[in-house]
Amino acid sequence: MEFARQEYFWLLPVVPLAMLLWGIGLWHQRRMRIRFGNIDNLVSISRISRPGRGWLRGLLFVAALALMALGLAYPRAIVRELRAVPTRTDLVFLLDTSPSMYGRDMDPSRLGRAERIIQRFIYLKQPQDRYGLIAFNWTSVVLSYMTSDPQNMLLYFDYLNQQDMPEPGTNVGSVLTNAMRLVATEQEVDPEAAQRRRVVLVLLSDGDDTAHDLEKPLAGVIQSGIKIYTIGLGTANGSYVPLEMAGGLNGQVVKYLQSDRGTRLVSHAEMRTMREISEKTGGRFYRGESDKQVDQAMEEILFTARPVSGFQSSTVRKDLYIYFLMAAFACLLVGVFL
């Protein structure tokens, strides 16, 4: 144990002086009683303390003074604590940028909602983790390789939000293939570090896979043991599909996807595909329109589902002054009612 404020030790010499004064008081009280005469005459009208009780009250009072002086000296215990070291994680976001993601059945749109979810992940990022971003429609492109500083993703969001004519098509198989190439490249660069890291894929899409070329790429992900967490965007009511906009993501829609008869086509959220992808890889599906489920997704991906790579021992100073002050208060309280 150590004391951080040792200058308060000068109060301790006052304690014997207080005990001496208390003893003088008891001696003076005893003299007064002897001068009074027969003490038995006061029993019926006064409370007569036994001599031992007076000394006990004095000891409690002195003990309270000593404990308060020690408490002011800020005592601390030096202990060793074992802290769990979480496994470093590489988190790859797979962001659907097909025309249906520009649908406005979510605020401000499905794509805008997905971007906000990724921003929340960035806000809660752990220092030891790395993030990557792959955007896809009919093809896929790596917008951000694995980095410990994912703030540059926000620049890519600005680029996506300025697109007036999104590329048609949705090929989930293509983005899974590209994600596995990215993972393989990182493993080749530093194989030893790759063995100590876990890889998680987060797919943000409305599930409208128009390519239907998912089986083989998904089998490769399953074989690698990588989990895919899926976050579904869009509502059951659906939304018209913008094909051309004036002013980017939040601009006015100039042209919608139409049928041969000229009627606007509605894109509904296809969550069945999203659920199958997450379940087959050991991940989990979450609804993007629910803030509660998004919070649950971040809690599981970033914290609860993260394995422990080991334990680290560290020296910690635990404050003890509160216990000294509580003991001093207890001594005073007992002395008052004794």
C-alpha atoms as a PDB file:
ATOM      1  CA  MET A   1       0.000   0.000   0.000  1.00  0.00           C
ATOM      2  CA  GLU A   2       1.142   3.547  -0.761  1.00  0.00           C
ATOM      3  CA  PHE A   3       0.012   7.038   0.224  1.00  0.00           C
ATOM      4  CA  ALA A   4      -0.192   9.677  -2.509  1.00  0.00           C
ATOM      5  CA  ARG A   5      -0.652  12.675  -0.161  1.00  0.00           C
ATOM      6  CA  GLN A   6       1.851  12.010   2.601  1.00  0.00           C
ATOM      7  CA  GLU A   7       1.831  15.660   3.719  1.00  0.00           C
ATOM      8  CA  TYR A   8      -1.306  14.878   5.720  1.00  0.00           C
ATOM      9  CA  PHE A   9       0.707  12.604   8.035  1.00  0.00           C
ATOM     10  CA  TRP A  10       1.400  15.679  10.210  1.00  0.00           C
ATOM     11  CA  LEU A  11      -2.129  15.192  11.588  1.00  0.00           C
ATOM     12  CA  LEU A  12      -1.172  11.886  13.201  1.00  0.00           C
ATOM     13  CA  PRO A  13       0.860  13.482  16.076  1.00  0.00           C
ATOM     14  CA  VAL A  14      -2.355  15.280  17.062  1.00  0.00           C
ATOM     15  CA  VAL A  15      -3.955  11.914  17.888  1.00  0.00           C
ATOM     16  CA  PRO A  16      -1.903  11.204  21.065  1.00  0.00           C
ATOM     17  CA  LEU A  17      -2.520  14.789  22.184  1.00  0.00           C
ATOM     18  CA  ALA A  18      -6.255  14.294  21.727  1.00  0.00           C
ATOM     19  CA  MET A  19      -6.043  11.080  23.793  1.00  0.00           C
ATOM     20  CA  LEU A  20      -4.163  12.929  26.545  1.00  0.00           C
ATOM     21  CA  LEU A  21      -6.783  15.688  26.660  1.00  0.00           C
ATOM     22  CA  TRP A  22      -9.545  13.080  26.764  1.00  0.00           C
ATOM     23  CA  GLY A  23      -7.842  11.381  29.734  1.00  0.00           C
ATOM     24  CA  ILE A  24      -7.515  14.726  31.538  1.00  0.00           C
ATOM     25  CA  GLY A  25     -11.216  15.272  30.966  1.00  0.00           C
ATOM     26  CA  LEU A  26     -12.108  11.910  32.473  1.00  0.00           C
ATOM     27  CA  TRP A  27      -9.813  12.581  35.450  1.00  0.00           C
ATOM     28  CA  HIS A  28     -11.469  15.970  36.029  1.00  0.00           C
ATOM     29  CA  GLN A  29     -14.922  14.391  35.782  1.00  0.00           C
ATOM     30  CA  ARG A  30     -13.975  11.767  38.363  1.00  0.00           C
ATOM     31  CA  ARG A  31     -12.711  14.493  40.763  1.00  0.00           C
ATOM     32  CA  MET A  32     -15.977  16.383  40.458  1.00  0.00           C
ATOM     33  CA  ARG A  33     -17.960  13.267  41.263  1.00  0.00           C
ATOM     34  CA  ILE A  34     -15.834  12.570  44.344  1.00  0.00           C
ATOM     35  CA  ARG A  35     -16.327  16.157  45.559  1.00  0.00           C
ATOM     36  CA  PHE A  36     -20.075  15.790  45.110  1.00  0.00           C
ATOM     37  CA  GLY A  37     -20.193  13.038  47.670  1.00  0.00           C
ATOM     38  CA  ASN A  38     -22.446  10.018  47.398  1.00  0.00           C
ATOM     39  CA  ILE A  39     -22.847   9.266  43.676  1.00  0.00           C
ATOM     40  CA  ASP A  40     -25.720   6.873  44.419  1.00  0.00           C
ATOM     41  CA  ASN A  41     -27.958   9.908  45.038  1.00  0.00           C
ATOM     42  CA  LEU A  42     -27.734  10.793  41.291  1.00  0.00           C
ATOM     43  CA  VAL A  43     -28.707   7.372  39.926  1.00  0.00           C
ATOM     44  CA  SER A  44     -32.434   8.126  39.928  1.00  0.00           C
ATOM     45  CA  ILE A  45     -32.099  11.481  38.066  1.00  0.00           C
ATOM     46  CA  SER A  46     -29.023  11.059  35.852  1.00  0.00           C
ATOM     47  CA  ARG A  47     -27.136   8.576  33.748  1.00  0.00           C
ATOM     48  CA  ILE A  48     -23.867   7.626  35.397  1.00  0.00           C
ATOM     49  CA  SER A  49     -21.289   6.173  32.968  1.00  0.00           C
ATOM     50  CA  ARG A  50     -18.868   3.529  34.030  1.00  0.00           C
ATOM     51  CA  PRO A  51     -15.186   4.569  33.902  1.00  0.00           C
ATOM     52  CA  GLY A  52     -14.383   1.934  31.256  1.00  0.00           C
ATOM     53  CA  ARG A  53     -17.080   3.267  28.922  1.00  0.00           C
ATOM     54  CA  GLY A  54     -15.538   6.731  28.935  1.00  0.00           C
ATOM     55  CA  TRP A  55     -12.134   5.336  27.955  1.00  0.00           C
ATOM     56  CA  LEU A  56     -13.762   3.205  25.212  1.00  0.00           C
ATOM     57  CA  ARG A  57     -15.484   6.272  23.765  1.00  0.00           C
ATOM     58  CA  GLY A  58     -12.154   8.079  23.846  1.00  0.00           C
ATOM     59  CA  LEU A  59     -10.444   5.260  21.970  1.00  0.00           C
ATOM     60  CA  LEU A  60     -13.184   5.321  19.311  1.00  0.00           C
ATOM     61  CA  PHE A  61     -12.830   9.085  18.955  1.00  0.00           C
ATOM     62  CA  VAL A  62      -9.052   8.851  18.622  1.00  0.00           C
ATOM     63  CA  ALA A  63      -9.366   5.972  16.153  1.00  0.00           C
ATOM     64  CA  ALA A  64     -11.723   8.090  14.036  1.00  0.00           C
ATOM     65  CA  LEU A  65      -9.174  10.929  13.994  1.00  0.00           C
ATOM     66  CA  ALA A  66      -6.381   8.564  12.956  1.00  0.00           C
ATOM     67  CA  LEU A  67      -8.482   6.969  10.214  1.00  0.00           C
ATOM     68  CA  MET A  68      -9.487  10.383   8.839  1.00  0.00           C
ATOM     69  CA  ALA A  69      -5.838  11.483   8.761  1.00  0.00           C
ATOM     70  CA  LEU A  70      -4.887   8.305   6.883  1.00  0.00           C
ATOM     71  CA  GLY A  71      -7.835   8.741   4.516  1.00  0.00           C
ATOM     72  CA  LEU A  72      -6.719  12.299   3.674  1.00  0.00           C
ATOM     73  CA  ALA A  73      -3.281  10.869   2.856  1.00  0.00           C
ATOM     74  CA  TYR A  74      -4.988   9.090  -0.092  1.00  0.00           C
ATOM     75  CA  PRO A  75      -4.041   5.439   0.455  1.00  0.00           C
ATOM     76  CA  ARG A  76      -3.845   3.181  -2.600  1.00  0.00           C
ATOM     77  CA  ALA A  77      -3.281  -0.531  -2.992  1.00  0.00           C
ATOM     78  CA  ILE A  78      -1.081  -1.760  -5.830  1.00  0.00           C
ATOM     79  CA  VAL A  79      -2.676  -4.802  -7.441  1.00  0.00           C
ATOM     80  CA  ARG A  80      -2.157  -6.729 -10.650  1.00  0.00           C
ATOM     81  CA  GLU A  81      -5.076  -7.258 -12.992  1.00  0.00           C
ATOM     82  CA  LEU A  82      -5.458  -9.613 -15.928  1.00  0.00           C
ATOM     83  CA  ARG A  83      -7.062  -7.890 -18.918  1.00  0.00           C
ATOM     84  CA  ALA A  84      -8.459  -9.863 -21.834  1.00  0.00           C
ATOM     85  CA  VAL A  85      -6.837  -8.921 -25.147  1.00  0.00           C
ATOM     86  CA  PRO A  86      -9.429  -8.985 -27.953  1.00  0.00           C
ATOM     87  CA  THR A  87      -8.500 -10.513 -31.291  1.00  0.00           C
ATOM     88  CA  ARG A  88      -7.639  -7.992 -33.975  1.00  0.00           C
ATOM     89  CA  THR A  89     -10.368  -7.845 -36.601  1.00  0.00           C
ATOM     90  CA  ASP A  90     -10.399  -7.036 -40.311  1.00  0.00           C
ATOM     91  CA  LEU A  91     -13.896  -5.790 -41.160  1.00  0.00           C
ATOM     92  CA  VAL A  92     -14.809  -5.611 -44.849  1.00  0.00           C
ATOM     93  CA  PHE A  93     -17.984  -3.744 -45.809  1.00  0.00           C
ATOM     94  CA  LEU A  94     -19.725  -4.965 -48.980  1.00  0.00           C
ATOM     95  CA  LEU A  95     -21.891  -2.043 -50.097  1.00  0.00           C
ATOM     96  CA  ASP A  96     -24.603  -2.490 -52.707  1.00  0.00           C
ATOM     97  CA  THR A  97     -24.729   0.540 -55.060  1.00  0.00           C
ATOM     98  CA  SER A  98     -27.238  -0.783 -57.607  1.00  0.00           C
ATOM     99  CA  PRO A  99     -30.166   1.455 -58.705  1.00  0.00           C
ATOM    100  CA  SER A 100     -32.580  -0.216 -56.276  1.00  0.00           C
ATOM    101  CA  MET A 101     -30.392   1.033 -53.397  1.00  0.00           C
ATOM    102  CA  TYR A 102     -31.295   4.577 -54.439  1.00  0.00           C
ATOM    103  CA  GLY A 103     -34.914   3.835 -53.581  1.00  0.00           C
ATOM    104  CA  ARG A 104     -36.391   6.262 -51.090  1.00  0.00           C
ATOM    105  CA  ASP A 105     -38.483   4.055 -48.864  1.00  0.00           C
ATOM    106  CA  MET A 106     -35.874   4.763 -46.162  1.00  0.00           C
ATOM    107  CA  ASP A 107     -34.527   8.096 -44.938  1.00  0.00           C
ATOM    108  CA  PRO A 108     -32.814   9.513 -46.989  1.00  0.00           C
ATOM    109  CA  SER A 109     -32.556   6.410 -49.183  1.00  0.00           C
ATOM    110  CA  ARG A 110     -31.459   2.802 -48.883  1.00  0.00           C
ATOM    111  CA  LEU A 111     -27.915   3.734 -49.873  1.00  0.00           C
ATOM    112  CA  GLY A 112     -27.910   6.753 -47.556  1.00  0.00           C
ATOM    113  CA  ARG A 113     -29.072   4.560 -44.688  1.00  0.00           C
ATOM    114  CA  ALA A 114     -26.295   2.041 -45.440  1.00  0.00           C
ATOM    115  CA  GLU A 115     -23.704   4.823 -45.426  1.00  0.00           C
ATOM    116  CA  ARG A 116     -24.913   6.039 -42.034  1.00  0.00           C
ATOM    117  CA  ILE A 117     -24.644   2.518 -40.623  1.00  0.00           C
ATOM    118  CA  ILE A 118     -21.047   2.228 -41.849  1.00  0.00           C
ATOM    119  CA  GLN A 119     -20.287   5.616 -40.303  1.00  0.00           C
ATOM    120  CA  ARG A 120     -21.525   4.314 -36.945  1.00  0.00           C
ATOM    121  CA  PHE A 121     -19.181   1.336 -37.276  1.00  0.00           C
ATOM    122  CA  ILE A 122     -16.329   3.749 -37.969  1.00  0.00           C
ATOM    123  CA  TYR A 123     -17.248   5.754 -34.862  1.00  0.00           C
ATOM    124  CA  LEU A 124     -17.033   2.616 -32.670  1.00  0.00           C
ATOM    125  CA  LYS A 125     -13.916   1.226 -34.349  1.00  0.00           C
ATOM    126  CA  GLN A 126     -11.379  -0.347 -31.989  1.00  0.00           C
ATOM    127  CA  PRO A 127      -7.760   0.882 -32.373  1.00  0.00           C
ATOM    128  CA  GLN A 128      -6.424  -2.554 -33.270  1.00  0.00           C
ATOM    129  CA  ASP A 129      -8.987  -3.177 -36.040  1.00  0.00           C
ATOM    130  CA  ARG A 130      -8.828  -2.453 -39.759  1.00  0.00           C
ATOM    131  CA  TYR A 131     -11.687  -1.641 -42.133  1.00  0.00           C
ATOM    132  CA  GLY A 132     -12.098  -2.113 -45.878  1.00  0.00           C
ATOM    133  CA  LEU A 133     -14.844  -1.157 -48.355  1.00  0.00           C
ATOM    134  CA  ILE A 134     -15.987  -2.842 -51.562  1.00  0.00           C
ATOM    135  CA  ALA A 135     -18.820  -1.338 -53.603  1.00  0.00           C
ATOM    136  CA  PHE A 136     -20.754  -3.485 -56.061  1.00  0.00           C
ATOM    137  CA  ASN A 137     -23.571  -3.505 -58.574  1.00  0.00           C
ATOM    138  CA  TRP A 138     -23.170  -5.813 -61.573  1.00  0.00           C
ATOM    139  CA  THR A 139     -19.412  -5.721 -60.935  1.00  0.00           C
ATOM    140  CA  SER A 140     -17.464  -4.875 -57.794  1.00  0.00           C
ATOM    141  CA  VAL A 141     -14.559  -2.566 -57.025  1.00  0.00           C
ATOM    142  CA  VAL A 142     -12.391  -2.147 -53.928  1.00  0.00           C
ATOM    143  CA  LEU A 143     -12.829   1.452 -52.806  1.00  0.00           C
ATOM    144  CA  SER A 144     -10.726   1.142 -49.667  1.00  0.00           C
ATOM    145  CA  TYR A 145      -8.171  -1.531 -48.856  1.00  0.00           C
ATOM    146  CA  MET A 146      -7.665  -2.622 -45.242  1.00  0.00           C
ATOM    147  CA  THR A 147      -6.724   0.404 -43.167  1.00  0.00           C
ATOM    148  CA  SER A 148      -6.552   1.384 -39.512  1.00  0.00           C
ATOM    149  CA  ASP A 149      -7.801   4.878 -40.412  1.00  0.00           C
ATOM    150  CA  PRO A 150     -11.107   4.361 -42.248  1.00  0.00           C
ATOM    151  CA  GLN A 151     -12.010   8.064 -42.375  1.00  0.00           C
ATOM    152  CA  ASN A 152     -11.148   8.027 -46.087  1.00  0.00           C
ATOM    153  CA  MET A 153     -14.312   5.967 -46.627  1.00  0.00           C
ATOM    154  CA  LEU A 154     -16.293   9.146 -46.091  1.00  0.00           C
ATOM    155  CA  LEU A 155     -14.657  10.567 -49.221  1.00  0.00           C
ATOM    156  CA  TYR A 156     -15.920   7.599 -51.237  1.00  0.00           C
ATOM    157  CA  PHE A 157     -19.394   8.200 -49.857  1.00  0.00           C
ATOM    158  CA  ASP A 158     -19.255  11.738 -51.231  1.00  0.00           C
ATOM    159  CA  TYR A 159     -18.293  10.265 -54.603  1.00  0.00           C
ATOM    160  CA  LEU A 160     -21.187   7.773 -54.554  1.00  0.00           C
ATOM    161  CA  ASN A 161     -23.666  10.435 -53.490  1.00  0.00           C
ATOM    162  CA  GLN A 162     -22.826  12.520 -56.547  1.00  0.00           C
ATOM    163  CA  GLN A 163     -23.666   9.780 -59.041  1.00  0.00           C
ATOM    164  CA  ASP A 164     -26.554  10.810 -61.301  1.00  0.00           C
ATOM    165  CA  MET A 165     -26.921   7.492 -63.138  1.00  0.00           C
ATOM    166  CA  PRO A 166     -26.174   4.386 -61.021  1.00  0.00           C
ATOM    167  CA  GLU A 167     -24.909   1.327 -62.851  1.00  0.00           C
ATOM    168  CA  PRO A 168     -27.612  -1.345 -63.266  1.00  0.00           C
ATOM    169  CA  GLY A 169     -27.538  -4.867 -61.873  1.00  0.00           C
ATOM    170  CA  THR A 170     -26.767  -6.572 -58.566  1.00  0.00           C
ATOM    171  CA  ASN A 171     -24.216  -9.372 -58.416  1.00  0.00           C
ATOM    172  CA  VAL A 172     -23.639 -10.536 -54.844  1.00  0.00           C
ATOM    173  CA  GLY A 173     -21.463 -13.407 -56.074  1.00  0.00           C
ATOM    174  CA  SER A 174     -19.067 -10.921 -57.690  1.00  0.00           C
ATOM    175  CA  VAL A 175     -18.521  -8.970 -54.469  1.00  0.00           C
ATOM    176  CA  LEU A 176     -17.954 -12.158 -52.452  1.00  0.00           C
ATOM    177  CA  THR A 177     -15.308 -13.242 -54.963  1.00  0.00           C
ATOM    178  CA  ASN A 178     -13.621  -9.849 -54.784  1.00  0.00           C
ATOM    179  CA  ALA A 179     -13.745  -9.875 -50.973  1.00  0.00           C
ATOM    180  CA  MET A 180     -12.002 -13.254 -50.826  1.00  0.00           C
ATOM    181  CA  ARG A 181      -9.304 -11.943 -53.191  1.00  0.00           C
ATOM    182  CA  LEU A 182      -8.772  -8.981 -50.899  1.00  0.00           C
ATOM    183  CA  VAL A 183      -8.465 -11.291 -47.888  1.00  0.00           C
ATOM    184  CA  ALA A 184      -6.039 -13.573 -49.740  1.00  0.00           C
ATOM    185  CA  THR A 185      -3.885 -10.590 -50.732  1.00  0.00           C
ATOM    186  CA  GLU A 186      -3.667  -9.411 -47.132  1.00  0.00           C
ATOM    187  CA  GLN A 187      -2.715 -12.911 -46.003  1.00  0.00           C
ATOM    188  CA  GLU A 188       0.067 -13.122 -48.580  1.00  0.00           C
ATOM    189  CA  VAL A 189       1.547  -9.787 -47.479  1.00  0.00           C
ATOM    190  CA  ASP A 190       1.909 -10.829 -43.812  1.00  0.00           C
ATOM    191  CA  PRO A 191       0.926 -14.480 -43.182  1.00  0.00           C
ATOM    192  CA  GLU A 192       1.895 -14.451 -39.486  1.00  0.00           C
ATOM    193  CA  ALA A 193      -0.188 -11.362 -38.719  1.00  0.00           C
ATOM    194  CA  ALA A 194      -3.083 -12.794 -40.741  1.00  0.00           C
ATOM    195  CA  GLN A 195      -3.179 -15.873 -38.515  1.00  0.00           C
ATOM    196  CA  ARG A 196      -3.685 -13.658 -35.463  1.00  0.00           C
ATOM    197  CA  ARG A 197      -6.553 -11.701 -36.991  1.00  0.00           C
ATOM    198  CA  ARG A 198     -10.151 -12.618 -37.684  1.00  0.00           C
ATOM    199  CA  VAL A 199     -11.949 -11.534 -40.837  1.00  0.00           C
ATOM    200  CA  VAL A 200     -15.599 -10.494 -40.897  1.00  0.00           C
ATOM    201  CA  LEU A 201     -17.671  -9.484 -43.924  1.00  0.00           C
ATOM    202  CA  VAL A 202     -20.626  -7.115 -43.522  1.00  0.00           C
ATOM    203  CA  LEU A 203     -23.011  -7.137 -46.484  1.00  0.00           C
ATOM    204  CA  LEU A 204     -25.326  -4.123 -46.795  1.00  0.00           C
ATOM    205  CA  SER A 205     -27.921  -4.646 -49.519  1.00  0.00           C
ATOM    206  CA  ASP A 206     -31.625  -4.853 -50.298  1.00  0.00           C
ATOM    207  CA  GLY A 207     -31.071  -8.471 -51.349  1.00  0.00           C
ATOM    208  CA  ASP A 208     -32.191  -8.043 -54.963  1.00  0.00           C
ATOM    209  CA  ASP A 209     -29.550 -10.323 -56.537  1.00  0.00           C
ATOM    210  CA  THR A 210     -30.241 -10.151 -60.279  1.00  0.00           C
ATOM    211  CA  ALA A 211     -27.156 -12.172 -61.324  1.00  0.00           C
ATOM    212  CA  HIS A 212     -28.112 -15.370 -59.443  1.00  0.00           C
ATOM    213  CA  ASP A 213     -24.454 -16.434 -59.411  1.00  0.00           C
ATOM    214  CA  LEU A 214     -24.040 -16.836 -55.675  1.00  0.00           C
ATOM    215  CA  GLU A 215     -23.594 -20.551 -55.008  1.00  0.00           C
ATOM    216  CA  LYS A 216     -19.904 -21.013 -55.899  1.00  0.00           C
ATOM    217  CA  PRO A 217     -18.542 -17.806 -54.283  1.00  0.00           C
ATOM    218  CA  LEU A 218     -20.576 -18.460 -51.145  1.00  0.00           C
ATOM    219  CA  ALA A 219     -19.154 -22.000 -50.913  1.00  0.00           C
ATOM    220  CA  GLY A 220     -15.649 -20.498 -50.960  1.00  0.00           C
ATOM    221  CA  VAL A 221     -16.516 -18.169 -48.086  1.00  0.00           C
ATOM    222  CA  ILE A 222     -17.985 -21.053 -46.089  1.00  0.00           C
ATOM    223  CA  GLN A 223     -14.851 -23.155 -46.673  1.00  0.00           C
ATOM    224  CA  SER A 224     -12.628 -20.318 -45.420  1.00  0.00           C
ATOM    225  CA  GLY A 225     -14.600 -20.088 -42.163  1.00  0.00           C
ATOM    226  CA  ILE A 226     -15.286 -16.368 -42.586  1.00  0.00           C
ATOM    227  CA  LYS A 227     -18.610 -15.143 -41.212  1.00  0.00           C
ATOM    228  CA  ILE A 228     -20.871 -12.837 -43.191  1.00  0.00           C
ATOM    229  CA  TYR A 229     -23.192 -10.547 -41.263  1.00  0.00           C
ATOM    230  CA  THR A 230     -25.963  -9.147 -43.453  1.00  0.00           C
ATOM    231  CA  ILE A 231     -27.889  -5.912 -42.927  1.00  0.00           C
ATOM    232  CA  GLY A 232     -31.017  -5.696 -45.048  1.00  0.00           C
ATOM    233  CA  LEU A 233     -32.085  -2.350 -46.475  1.00  0.00           C
ATOM    234  CA  GLY A 234     -35.529  -1.478 -47.778  1.00  0.00           C
ATOM    235  CA  THR A 235     -39.090  -1.984 -46.598  1.00  0.00           C
ATOM    236  CA  ALA A 236     -41.848  -4.466 -47.419  1.00  0.00           C
ATOM    237  CA  ASN A 237     -43.820  -1.762 -49.229  1.00  0.00           C
ATOM    238  CA  GLY A 238     -40.899  -1.212 -51.564  1.00  0.00           C
ATOM    239  CA  SER A 239     -39.866   1.782 -53.631  1.00  0.00           C
ATOM    240  CA  TYR A 240     -39.626   2.911 -57.232  1.00  0.00           C
ATOM    241  CA  VAL A 241     -36.158   2.388 -58.719  1.00  0.00           C
ATOM    242  CA  PRO A 242     -34.386   5.589 -59.825  1.00  0.00           C
ATOM    243  CA  LEU A 243     -32.341   5.324 -63.014  1.00  0.00           C
ATOM    244  CA  GLU A 244     -31.392   8.968 -63.424  1.00  0.00           C
ATOM    245  CA  MET A 245     -31.224  11.809 -60.907  1.00  0.00           C
ATOM    246  CA  ALA A 246     -30.457  15.495 -61.055  1.00  0.00           C
ATOM    247  CA  GLY A 247     -28.118  16.404 -58.232  1.00  0.00           C
ATOM    248  CA  GLY A 248     -26.936  13.004 -57.059  1.00  0.00           C
ATOM    249  CA  LEU A 249     -28.273  10.758 -54.320  1.00  0.00           C
ATOM    250  CA  ASN A 250     -30.634  13.277 -52.736  1.00  0.00           C
ATOM    251  CA  GLY A 251     -31.512  15.090 -55.950  1.00  0.00           C
ATOM    252  CA  GLN A 252     -34.699  15.017 -57.967  1.00  0.00           C
ATOM    253  CA  VAL A 253     -35.399  11.782 -59.803  1.00  0.00           C
ATOM    254  CA  VAL A 254     -35.558  12.326 -63.543  1.00  0.00           C
ATOM    255  CA  LYS A 255     -36.217   8.760 -64.683  1.00  0.00           C
ATOM    256  CA  TYR A 256     -37.488   5.590 -62.985  1.00  0.00           C
ATOM    257  CA  LEU A 257     -37.162   1.957 -63.991  1.00  0.00           C
ATOM    258  CA  GLN A 258     -40.245   1.035 -66.020  1.00  0.00           C
ATOM    259  CA  SER A 259     -41.822  -2.042 -67.521  1.00  0.00           C
ATOM    260  CA  ASP A 260     -42.480  -2.505 -71.231  1.00  0.00           C
ATOM    261  CA  ARG A 261     -45.911  -1.011 -70.683  1.00  0.00           C
ATOM    262  CA  GLY A 262     -44.450   2.161 -69.217  1.00  0.00           C
ATOM    263  CA  THR A 263     -45.424   1.550 -65.584  1.00  0.00           C
ATOM    264  CA  ARG A 264     -42.886   2.132 -62.837  1.00  0.00           C
ATOM    265  CA  LEU A 265     -41.421  -1.015 -61.301  1.00  0.00           C
ATOM    266  CA  VAL A 266     -41.271  -1.365 -57.523  1.00  0.00           C
ATOM    267  CA  SER A 267     -38.250  -2.867 -55.752  1.00  0.00           C
ATOM    268  CA  HIS A 268     -39.149  -4.788 -52.609  1.00  0.00           C
ATOM    269  CA  ALA A 269     -36.645  -5.808 -49.954  1.00  0.00           C
ATOM    270  CA  GLU A 270     -35.558  -9.409 -50.623  1.00  0.00           C
ATOM    271  CA  MET A 271     -34.451 -10.601 -47.201  1.00  0.00           C
ATOM    272  CA  ARG A 272     -34.546 -14.334 -47.910  1.00  0.00           C
ATOM    273  CA  THR A 273     -31.231 -14.239 -49.783  1.00  0.00           C
ATOM    274  CA  MET A 274     -29.672 -12.096 -47.050  1.00  0.00           C
ATOM    275  CA  ARG A 275     -30.771 -14.526 -44.342  1.00  0.00           C
ATOM    276  CA  GLU A 276     -29.433 -17.541 -46.225  1.00  0.00           C
ATOM    277  CA  ILE A 277     -26.035 -15.927 -46.732  1.00  0.00           C
ATOM    278  CA  SER A 278     -25.626 -15.084 -43.051  1.00  0.00           C
ATOM    279  CA  GLU A 279     -26.964 -18.413 -41.757  1.00  0.00           C
ATOM    280  CA  LYS A 280     -24.779 -20.542 -44.029  1.00  0.00           C
ATOM    281  CA  THR A 281     -21.607 -18.711 -42.976  1.00  0.00           C
ATOM    282  CA  GLY A 282     -22.378 -18.633 -39.240  1.00  0.00           C
ATOM    283  CA  GLY A 283     -23.217 -14.937 -39.199  1.00  0.00           C
ATOM    284  CA  ARG A 284     -26.517 -13.224 -38.509  1.00  0.00           C
ATOM    285  CA  PHE A 285     -29.093 -11.139 -40.355  1.00  0.00           C
ATOM    286  CA  TYR A 286     -30.238  -7.712 -39.127  1.00  0.00           C
ATOM    287  CA  ARG A 287     -32.842  -5.292 -40.438  1.00  0.00           C
ATOM    288  CA  GLY A 288     -31.320  -1.972 -41.395  1.00  0.00           C
ATOM    289  CA  GLU A 289     -34.463   0.088 -40.740  1.00  0.00           C
ATOM    290  CA  SER A 290     -34.384  -0.788 -37.029  1.00  0.00           C
ATOM    291  CA  ASP A 291     -31.939   1.259 -34.951  1.00  0.00           C
ATOM    292  CA  LYS A 292     -32.208  -1.380 -32.223  1.00  0.00           C
ATOM    293  CA  GLN A 293     -31.131  -4.178 -34.561  1.00  0.00           C
ATOM    294  CA  VAL A 294     -28.310  -2.058 -35.984  1.00  0.00           C
ATOM    295  CA  ASP A 295     -27.048  -1.472 -32.448  1.00  0.00           C
ATOM    296  CA  GLN A 296     -27.256  -5.215 -31.803  1.00  0.00           C
ATOM    297  CA  ALA A 297     -25.274  -5.873 -34.977  1.00  0.00           C
ATOM    298  CA  MET A 298     -22.473  -3.517 -33.950  1.00  0.00           C
ATOM    299  CA  GLU A 299     -22.436  -4.942 -30.404  1.00  0.00           C
ATOM    300  CA  GLU A 300     -22.094  -8.519 -31.660  1.00  0.00           C
ATOM    301  CA  ILE A 301     -19.627  -7.871 -34.486  1.00  0.00           C
ATOM    302  CA  LEU A 302     -17.338  -5.514 -32.586  1.00  0.00           C
ATOM    303  CA  PHE A 303     -17.570  -6.863 -29.044  1.00  0.00           C
ATOM    304  CA  THR A 304     -19.515  -9.970 -27.960  1.00  0.00           C
ATOM    305  CA  ALA A 305     -18.590 -12.236 -30.888  1.00  0.00           C
ATOM    306  CA  ARG A 306     -14.936 -11.196 -30.812  1.00  0.00           C
ATOM    307  CA  PRO A 307     -12.689 -14.019 -29.511  1.00  0.00           C
ATOM    308  CA  VAL A 308      -9.970 -13.402 -26.932  1.00  0.00           C
ATOM    309  CA  SER A 309      -6.406 -13.781 -28.178  1.00  0.00           C
ATOM    310  CA  GLY A 310      -4.829 -13.805 -24.698  1.00  0.00           C
ATOM    311  CA  PHE A 311      -4.498 -11.966 -21.423  1.00  0.00           C
ATOM    312  CA  GLN A 312      -2.314  -9.051 -20.413  1.00  0.00           C
ATOM    313  CA  SER A 313      -1.121  -8.379 -16.861  1.00  0.00           C
ATOM    314  CA  SER A 314      -0.983  -4.761 -15.738  1.00  0.00           C
ATOM    315  CA  THR A 315      -0.338  -2.894 -12.484  1.00  0.00           C
ATOM    316  CA  VAL A 316      -3.353  -0.989 -11.180  1.00  0.00           C
ATOM    317  CA  ARG A 317      -3.617   1.347  -8.208  1.00  0.00           C
ATOM    318  CA  LYS A 318      -6.878   0.914  -6.336  1.00  0.00           C
ATOM    319  CA  ASP A 319      -8.072   3.822  -4.172  1.00  0.00           C
ATOM    320  CA  LEU A 320      -8.695   2.890  -0.525  1.00  0.00           C
ATOM    321  CA  TYR A 321      -9.448   6.281   1.078  1.00  0.00           C
ATOM    322  CA  ILE A 322     -13.194   5.671   0.995  1.00  0.00           C
ATOM    323  CA  TYR A 323     -12.796   2.634   3.280  1.00  0.00           C
ATOM    324  CA  PHE A 324     -10.747   4.639   5.821  1.00  0.00           C
ATOM    325  CA  LEU A 325     -13.334   7.412   5.871  1.00  0.00           C
ATOM    326  CA  MET A 326     -16.194   4.921   6.235  1.00  0.00           C
ATOM    327  CA  ALA A 327     -14.391   3.279   9.180  1.00  0.00           C
ATOM    328  CA  ALA A 328     -13.840   6.713  10.785  1.00  0.00           C
ATOM    329  CA  PHE A 329     -17.534   7.541  10.420  1.00  0.00           C
ATOM    330  CA  ALA A 330     -18.476   4.174  11.962  1.00  0.00           C
ATOM    331  CA  CYS A 331     -16.202   4.845  14.983  1.00  0.00           C
ATOM    332  CA  LEU A 332     -17.792   8.251  15.538  1.00  0.00           C
ATOM    333  CA  LEU A 333     -21.286   6.802  15.200  1.00  0.00           C
ATOM    334  CA  VAL A 334     -20.609   4.041  17.742  1.00  0.00           C
ATOM    335  CA  GLY A 335     -19.020   6.526  20.135  1.00  0.00           C
ATOM    336  CA  VAL A 336     -22.076   8.802  20.011  1.00  0.00           C
ATOM    337  CA  PHE A 337     -24.538   6.057  20.939  1.00  0.00           C
ATOM    338  CA  LEU A 338     -22.275   4.176  23.346  1.00  0.00           C
END
